Amino acid sequence: MDIQYLMRQAKKLEKAMADAREKLSELSVDAEAGGGLVKVQLNGKCELVRIAIDPKAVDPADVAMLEDLVVAAVNAGVEKARAAADAHMAQATGGVKIPGLG
């Protein structure tokens, strides 16, 4: 087995992963809850970028419902962002499973 070849391949994989990590902030996913009453947008790093709340969801007598909708929308967005990020990293690594990255 050629150690130099393996080292070159490892360097290529390392660069591909670094490039993919940089692009995660450009990745965008949308999610919603309550039939669209609460909408969120997250990037590939699972950071909340935007939240939109329909005025119909704002009921001072039922704040708990709005809180539940926000939590549900954010959790749905995080799930989508993680899946998209995993797919993005798998594409960058050629499907190679790297310990600690998934």
N, C-alpha and C. Protein backbone atom coordinates (compact mmCIF):
# COMPACT_ATOMS: atom_id res chain seq x y z
N MET A 1 0.85 -1.19 0.00
CA MET A 1 0.00 0.00 0.00
C MET A 1 0.89 1.25 0.00
N ASP A 2 0.59 2.20 -0.85
CA ASP A 2 1.39 3.42 -1.00
C ASP A 2 0.95 4.46 0.03
N ILE A 3 1.81 4.71 0.99
CA ILE A 3 1.51 5.68 2.07
C ILE A 3 1.38 7.09 1.50
N GLN A 4 2.19 7.44 0.54
CA GLN A 4 2.12 8.79 -0.06
C GLN A 4 0.76 9.01 -0.73
N TYR A 5 0.28 7.98 -1.41
CA TYR A 5 -1.04 8.07 -2.05
C TYR A 5 -2.13 8.29 -1.00
N LEU A 6 -2.07 7.52 0.07
CA LEU A 6 -3.05 7.67 1.14
C LEU A 6 -3.01 9.06 1.76
N MET A 7 -1.82 9.61 1.93
CA MET A 7 -1.67 10.96 2.49
C MET A 7 -2.28 12.00 1.55
N ARG A 8 -2.05 11.85 0.24
CA ARG A 8 -2.64 12.79 -0.73
C ARG A 8 -4.16 12.70 -0.69
N GLN A 9 -4.69 11.49 -0.61
CA GLN A 9 -6.14 11.30 -0.55
C GLN A 9 -6.71 11.92 0.72
N ALA A 10 -6.01 11.77 1.83
CA ALA A 10 -6.46 12.35 3.10
C ALA A 10 -6.48 13.86 3.01
N LYS A 11 -5.48 14.46 2.38
CA LYS A 11 -5.44 15.92 2.21
C LYS A 11 -6.60 16.40 1.34
N LYS A 12 -6.89 15.67 0.26
CA LYS A 12 -8.01 16.04 -0.60
C LYS A 12 -9.33 15.98 0.17
N LEU A 13 -9.50 14.92 0.95
CA LEU A 13 -10.71 14.77 1.75
C LEU A 13 -10.82 15.88 2.79
N GLU A 14 -9.72 16.21 3.42
CA GLU A 14 -9.70 17.29 4.42
C GLU A 14 -10.11 18.62 3.79
N LYS A 15 -9.59 18.92 2.59
CA LYS A 15 -9.95 20.16 1.92
C LYS A 15 -11.42 20.16 1.50
N ALA A 16 -11.90 19.03 0.99
CA ALA A 16 -13.31 18.94 0.59
C ALA A 16 -14.23 19.16 1.79
N MET A 17 -13.86 18.61 2.93
CA MET A 17 -14.68 18.77 4.13
C MET A 17 -14.65 20.22 4.61
N ALA A 18 -13.50 20.86 4.57
CA ALA A 18 -13.40 22.26 4.99
C ALA A 18 -14.25 23.15 4.08
N ASP A 19 -14.18 22.90 2.78
CA ASP A 19 -15.00 23.66 1.83
C ASP A 19 -16.49 23.44 2.09
N ALA A 20 -16.86 22.19 2.35
CA ALA A 20 -18.27 21.87 2.61
C ALA A 20 -18.76 22.55 3.88
N ARG A 21 -17.93 22.57 4.93
CA ARG A 21 -18.31 23.23 6.18
C ARG A 21 -18.55 24.72 5.96
N GLU A 22 -17.71 25.34 5.15
CA GLU A 22 -17.86 26.77 4.86
C GLU A 22 -19.19 27.05 4.16
N LYS A 23 -19.58 26.16 3.28
CA LYS A 23 -20.80 26.38 2.50
C LYS A 23 -22.08 26.07 3.28
N LEU A 24 -21.95 25.47 4.46
CA LEU A 24 -23.14 25.15 5.25
C LEU A 24 -23.93 26.40 5.64
N SER A 25 -23.24 27.52 5.84
CA SER A 25 -23.96 28.74 6.21
C SER A 25 -24.78 29.27 5.04
N GLU A 26 -24.43 28.87 3.81
CA GLU A 26 -25.18 29.29 2.63
C GLU A 26 -26.41 28.41 2.39
N LEU A 27 -26.39 27.21 2.95
CA LEU A 27 -27.51 26.28 2.82
C LEU A 27 -28.70 26.84 3.58
N SER A 28 -29.90 26.66 3.05
CA SER A 28 -31.08 27.23 3.68
C SER A 28 -32.23 26.23 3.63
N VAL A 29 -32.92 26.08 4.77
CA VAL A 29 -34.11 25.24 4.82
C VAL A 29 -35.25 26.02 5.46
N ASP A 30 -36.46 25.73 5.03
CA ASP A 30 -37.66 26.37 5.59
C ASP A 30 -38.52 25.31 6.25
N ALA A 31 -39.17 25.70 7.33
CA ALA A 31 -40.10 24.81 8.01
C ALA A 31 -41.23 25.66 8.57
N GLU A 32 -42.34 24.99 8.89
CA GLU A 32 -43.49 25.73 9.42
C GLU A 32 -44.25 24.85 10.41
N ALA A 33 -45.13 25.50 11.16
CA ALA A 33 -46.00 24.80 12.10
C ALA A 33 -47.35 25.51 12.10
N GLY A 34 -48.37 24.77 12.54
CA GLY A 34 -49.70 25.38 12.62
C GLY A 34 -50.26 25.75 11.28
N GLY A 35 -49.98 24.94 10.28
CA GLY A 35 -50.51 25.23 8.94
C GLY A 35 -49.94 26.51 8.36
N GLY A 36 -48.72 26.86 8.74
CA GLY A 36 -48.08 28.05 8.19
C GLY A 36 -48.21 29.28 9.08
N LEU A 37 -48.80 29.13 10.26
CA LEU A 37 -48.92 30.29 11.16
C LEU A 37 -47.55 30.75 11.66
N VAL A 38 -46.64 29.79 11.83
CA VAL A 38 -45.27 30.12 12.22
C VAL A 38 -44.34 29.49 11.19
N LYS A 39 -43.49 30.32 10.59
CA LYS A 39 -42.53 29.85 9.58
C LYS A 39 -41.13 30.25 10.03
N VAL A 40 -40.18 29.33 9.80
CA VAL A 40 -38.79 29.60 10.16
C VAL A 40 -37.87 29.25 9.01
N GLN A 41 -36.71 29.87 9.04
CA GLN A 41 -35.66 29.55 8.07
C GLN A 41 -34.38 29.35 8.86
N LEU A 42 -33.68 28.25 8.58
CA LEU A 42 -32.42 27.95 9.23
C LEU A 42 -31.36 27.73 8.17
N ASN A 43 -30.10 27.93 8.55
CA ASN A 43 -29.01 27.62 7.63
C ASN A 43 -28.49 26.21 7.92
N GLY A 44 -27.51 25.78 7.18
CA GLY A 44 -26.96 24.43 7.33
C GLY A 44 -26.21 24.21 8.63
N LYS A 45 -25.97 25.26 9.36
CA LYS A 45 -25.34 25.14 10.68
C LYS A 45 -26.38 25.08 11.78
N CYS A 46 -27.63 24.90 11.40
CA CYS A 46 -28.78 24.84 12.32
C CYS A 46 -28.96 26.14 13.09
N GLU A 47 -28.59 27.25 12.48
CA GLU A 47 -28.80 28.56 13.08
C GLU A 47 -30.10 29.15 12.54
N LEU A 48 -30.92 29.67 13.44
CA LEU A 48 -32.18 30.30 13.04
C LEU A 48 -31.85 31.61 12.34
N VAL A 49 -32.31 31.74 11.10
CA VAL A 49 -32.02 32.92 10.29
C VAL A 49 -33.21 33.89 10.28
N ARG A 50 -34.42 33.31 10.21
CA ARG A 50 -35.62 34.14 10.10
C ARG A 50 -36.79 33.42 10.73
N ILE A 51 -37.69 34.20 11.31
CA ILE A 51 -38.94 33.66 11.84
C ILE A 51 -40.06 34.60 11.44
N ALA A 52 -41.17 34.04 11.00
CA ALA A 52 -42.34 34.84 10.63
C ALA A 52 -43.55 34.27 11.37
N ILE A 53 -44.27 35.16 12.05
CA ILE A 53 -45.45 34.74 12.80
C ILE A 53 -46.66 35.47 12.24
N ASP A 54 -47.63 34.68 11.77
CA ASP A 54 -48.87 35.24 11.25
C ASP A 54 -49.63 35.90 12.41
N PRO A 55 -50.14 37.10 12.22
CA PRO A 55 -50.89 37.78 13.30
C PRO A 55 -52.05 36.95 13.86
N LYS A 56 -52.60 36.04 13.05
CA LYS A 56 -53.68 35.18 13.53
C LYS A 56 -53.23 34.26 14.66
N ALA A 57 -51.91 34.02 14.75
CA ALA A 57 -51.37 33.13 15.78
C ALA A 57 -51.19 33.84 17.11
N VAL A 58 -51.30 35.16 17.11
CA VAL A 58 -51.06 35.95 18.32
C VAL A 58 -52.38 36.15 19.05
N ASP A 59 -52.57 35.38 20.09
CA ASP A 59 -53.77 35.47 20.93
C ASP A 59 -53.30 35.66 22.37
N PRO A 60 -53.44 36.86 22.92
CA PRO A 60 -52.98 37.11 24.29
C PRO A 60 -53.58 36.14 25.31
N ALA A 61 -54.72 35.57 25.02
CA ALA A 61 -55.35 34.62 25.94
C ALA A 61 -54.76 33.22 25.81
N ASP A 62 -53.95 32.98 24.76
CA ASP A 62 -53.39 31.65 24.55
C ASP A 62 -51.93 31.74 24.08
N VAL A 63 -51.09 32.31 24.91
CA VAL A 63 -49.68 32.46 24.59
C VAL A 63 -49.01 31.09 24.46
N ALA A 64 -49.45 30.13 25.24
CA ALA A 64 -48.86 28.79 25.21
C ALA A 64 -48.95 28.17 23.82
N MET A 65 -50.05 28.40 23.12
CA MET A 65 -50.20 27.85 21.77
C MET A 65 -49.13 28.43 20.84
N LEU A 66 -48.93 29.73 20.91
CA LEU A 66 -47.91 30.37 20.07
C LEU A 66 -46.53 29.83 20.42
N GLU A 67 -46.24 29.68 21.70
CA GLU A 67 -44.95 29.13 22.11
C GLU A 67 -44.75 27.72 21.55
N ASP A 68 -45.80 26.91 21.61
CA ASP A 68 -45.72 25.54 21.07
C ASP A 68 -45.49 25.55 19.56
N LEU A 69 -46.14 26.47 18.87
CA LEU A 69 -45.95 26.57 17.41
C LEU A 69 -44.53 26.97 17.07
N VAL A 70 -43.97 27.91 17.83
CA VAL A 70 -42.59 28.34 17.57
C VAL A 70 -41.63 27.18 17.82
N VAL A 71 -41.80 26.48 18.91
CA VAL A 71 -40.94 25.33 19.21
C VAL A 71 -41.06 24.28 18.11
N ALA A 72 -42.28 23.97 17.71
CA ALA A 72 -42.49 22.95 16.67
C ALA A 72 -41.84 23.36 15.35
N ALA A 73 -41.98 24.62 14.97
CA ALA A 73 -41.40 25.09 13.71
C ALA A 73 -39.88 25.04 13.76
N VAL A 74 -39.30 25.48 14.87
CA VAL A 74 -37.84 25.48 15.00
C VAL A 74 -37.32 24.04 15.00
N ASN A 75 -37.97 23.16 15.73
CA ASN A 75 -37.53 21.76 15.75
C ASN A 75 -37.62 21.12 14.37
N ALA A 76 -38.67 21.41 13.64
CA ALA A 76 -38.80 20.89 12.27
C ALA A 76 -37.69 21.44 11.39
N GLY A 77 -37.38 22.72 11.56
CA GLY A 77 -36.31 23.33 10.79
C GLY A 77 -34.95 22.74 11.12
N VAL A 78 -34.69 22.49 12.40
CA VAL A 78 -33.42 21.89 12.80
C VAL A 78 -33.28 20.50 12.20
N GLU A 79 -34.35 19.74 12.22
CA GLU A 79 -34.32 18.39 11.63
C GLU A 79 -33.99 18.47 10.14
N LYS A 80 -34.64 19.38 9.43
CA LYS A 80 -34.38 19.54 7.99
C LYS A 80 -32.95 20.03 7.75
N ALA A 81 -32.49 20.98 8.58
CA ALA A 81 -31.14 21.52 8.40
C ALA A 81 -30.09 20.45 8.64
N ARG A 82 -30.28 19.63 9.66
CA ARG A 82 -29.33 18.55 9.92
C ARG A 82 -29.29 17.56 8.77
N ALA A 83 -30.46 17.19 8.26
CA ALA A 83 -30.51 16.25 7.15
C ALA A 83 -29.83 16.83 5.92
N ALA A 84 -30.08 18.11 5.65
CA ALA A 84 -29.45 18.76 4.49
C ALA A 84 -27.94 18.87 4.68
N ALA A 85 -27.51 19.19 5.90
CA ALA A 85 -26.07 19.30 6.18
C ALA A 85 -25.40 17.93 6.05
N ASP A 86 -26.07 16.89 6.56
CA ASP A 86 -25.51 15.54 6.43
C ASP A 86 -25.37 15.14 4.97
N ALA A 87 -26.38 15.45 4.18
CA ALA A 87 -26.33 15.13 2.75
C ALA A 87 -25.21 15.91 2.06
N HIS A 88 -25.06 17.17 2.46
CA HIS A 88 -24.03 18.02 1.87
C HIS A 88 -22.64 17.47 2.21
N MET A 89 -22.44 17.07 3.47
CA MET A 89 -21.14 16.54 3.88
C MET A 89 -20.88 15.18 3.23
N ALA A 90 -21.92 14.35 3.10
CA ALA A 90 -21.75 13.05 2.46
C ALA A 90 -21.32 13.22 1.01
N GLN A 91 -21.88 14.22 0.35
CA GLN A 91 -21.50 14.49 -1.03
C GLN A 91 -20.03 14.94 -1.09
N ALA A 92 -19.62 15.77 -0.14
CA ALA A 92 -18.25 16.27 -0.13
C ALA A 92 -17.24 15.17 0.16
N THR A 93 -17.62 14.19 0.99
CA THR A 93 -16.71 13.13 1.37
C THR A 93 -16.86 11.89 0.50
N GLY A 94 -17.76 11.95 -0.46
CA GLY A 94 -17.97 10.80 -1.33
C GLY A 94 -18.65 9.66 -0.61
N GLY A 95 -19.37 9.98 0.46
CA GLY A 95 -20.09 8.96 1.21
C GLY A 95 -19.27 8.28 2.29
N VAL A 96 -18.01 8.69 2.43
CA VAL A 96 -17.15 8.10 3.46
C VAL A 96 -17.62 8.59 4.83
N LYS A 97 -17.85 7.66 5.75
CA LYS A 97 -18.28 8.01 7.11
C LYS A 97 -17.03 8.39 7.92
N ILE A 98 -17.02 9.63 8.42
CA ILE A 98 -15.91 10.11 9.21
C ILE A 98 -16.37 10.17 10.67
N PRO A 99 -15.70 9.47 11.59
CA PRO A 99 -16.10 9.52 12.99
C PRO A 99 -16.10 10.95 13.53
N GLY A 100 -17.17 11.26 14.27
CA GLY A 100 -17.27 12.59 14.87
C GLY A 100 -17.95 13.63 13.98
N LEU A 101 -18.34 13.26 12.77
CA LEU A 101 -18.98 14.23 11.86
C LEU A 101 -20.44 13.90 11.59
N GLY A 102 -21.02 12.98 12.33
CA GLY A 102 -22.39 12.68 11.99
C GLY A 102 -23.20 12.14 13.10
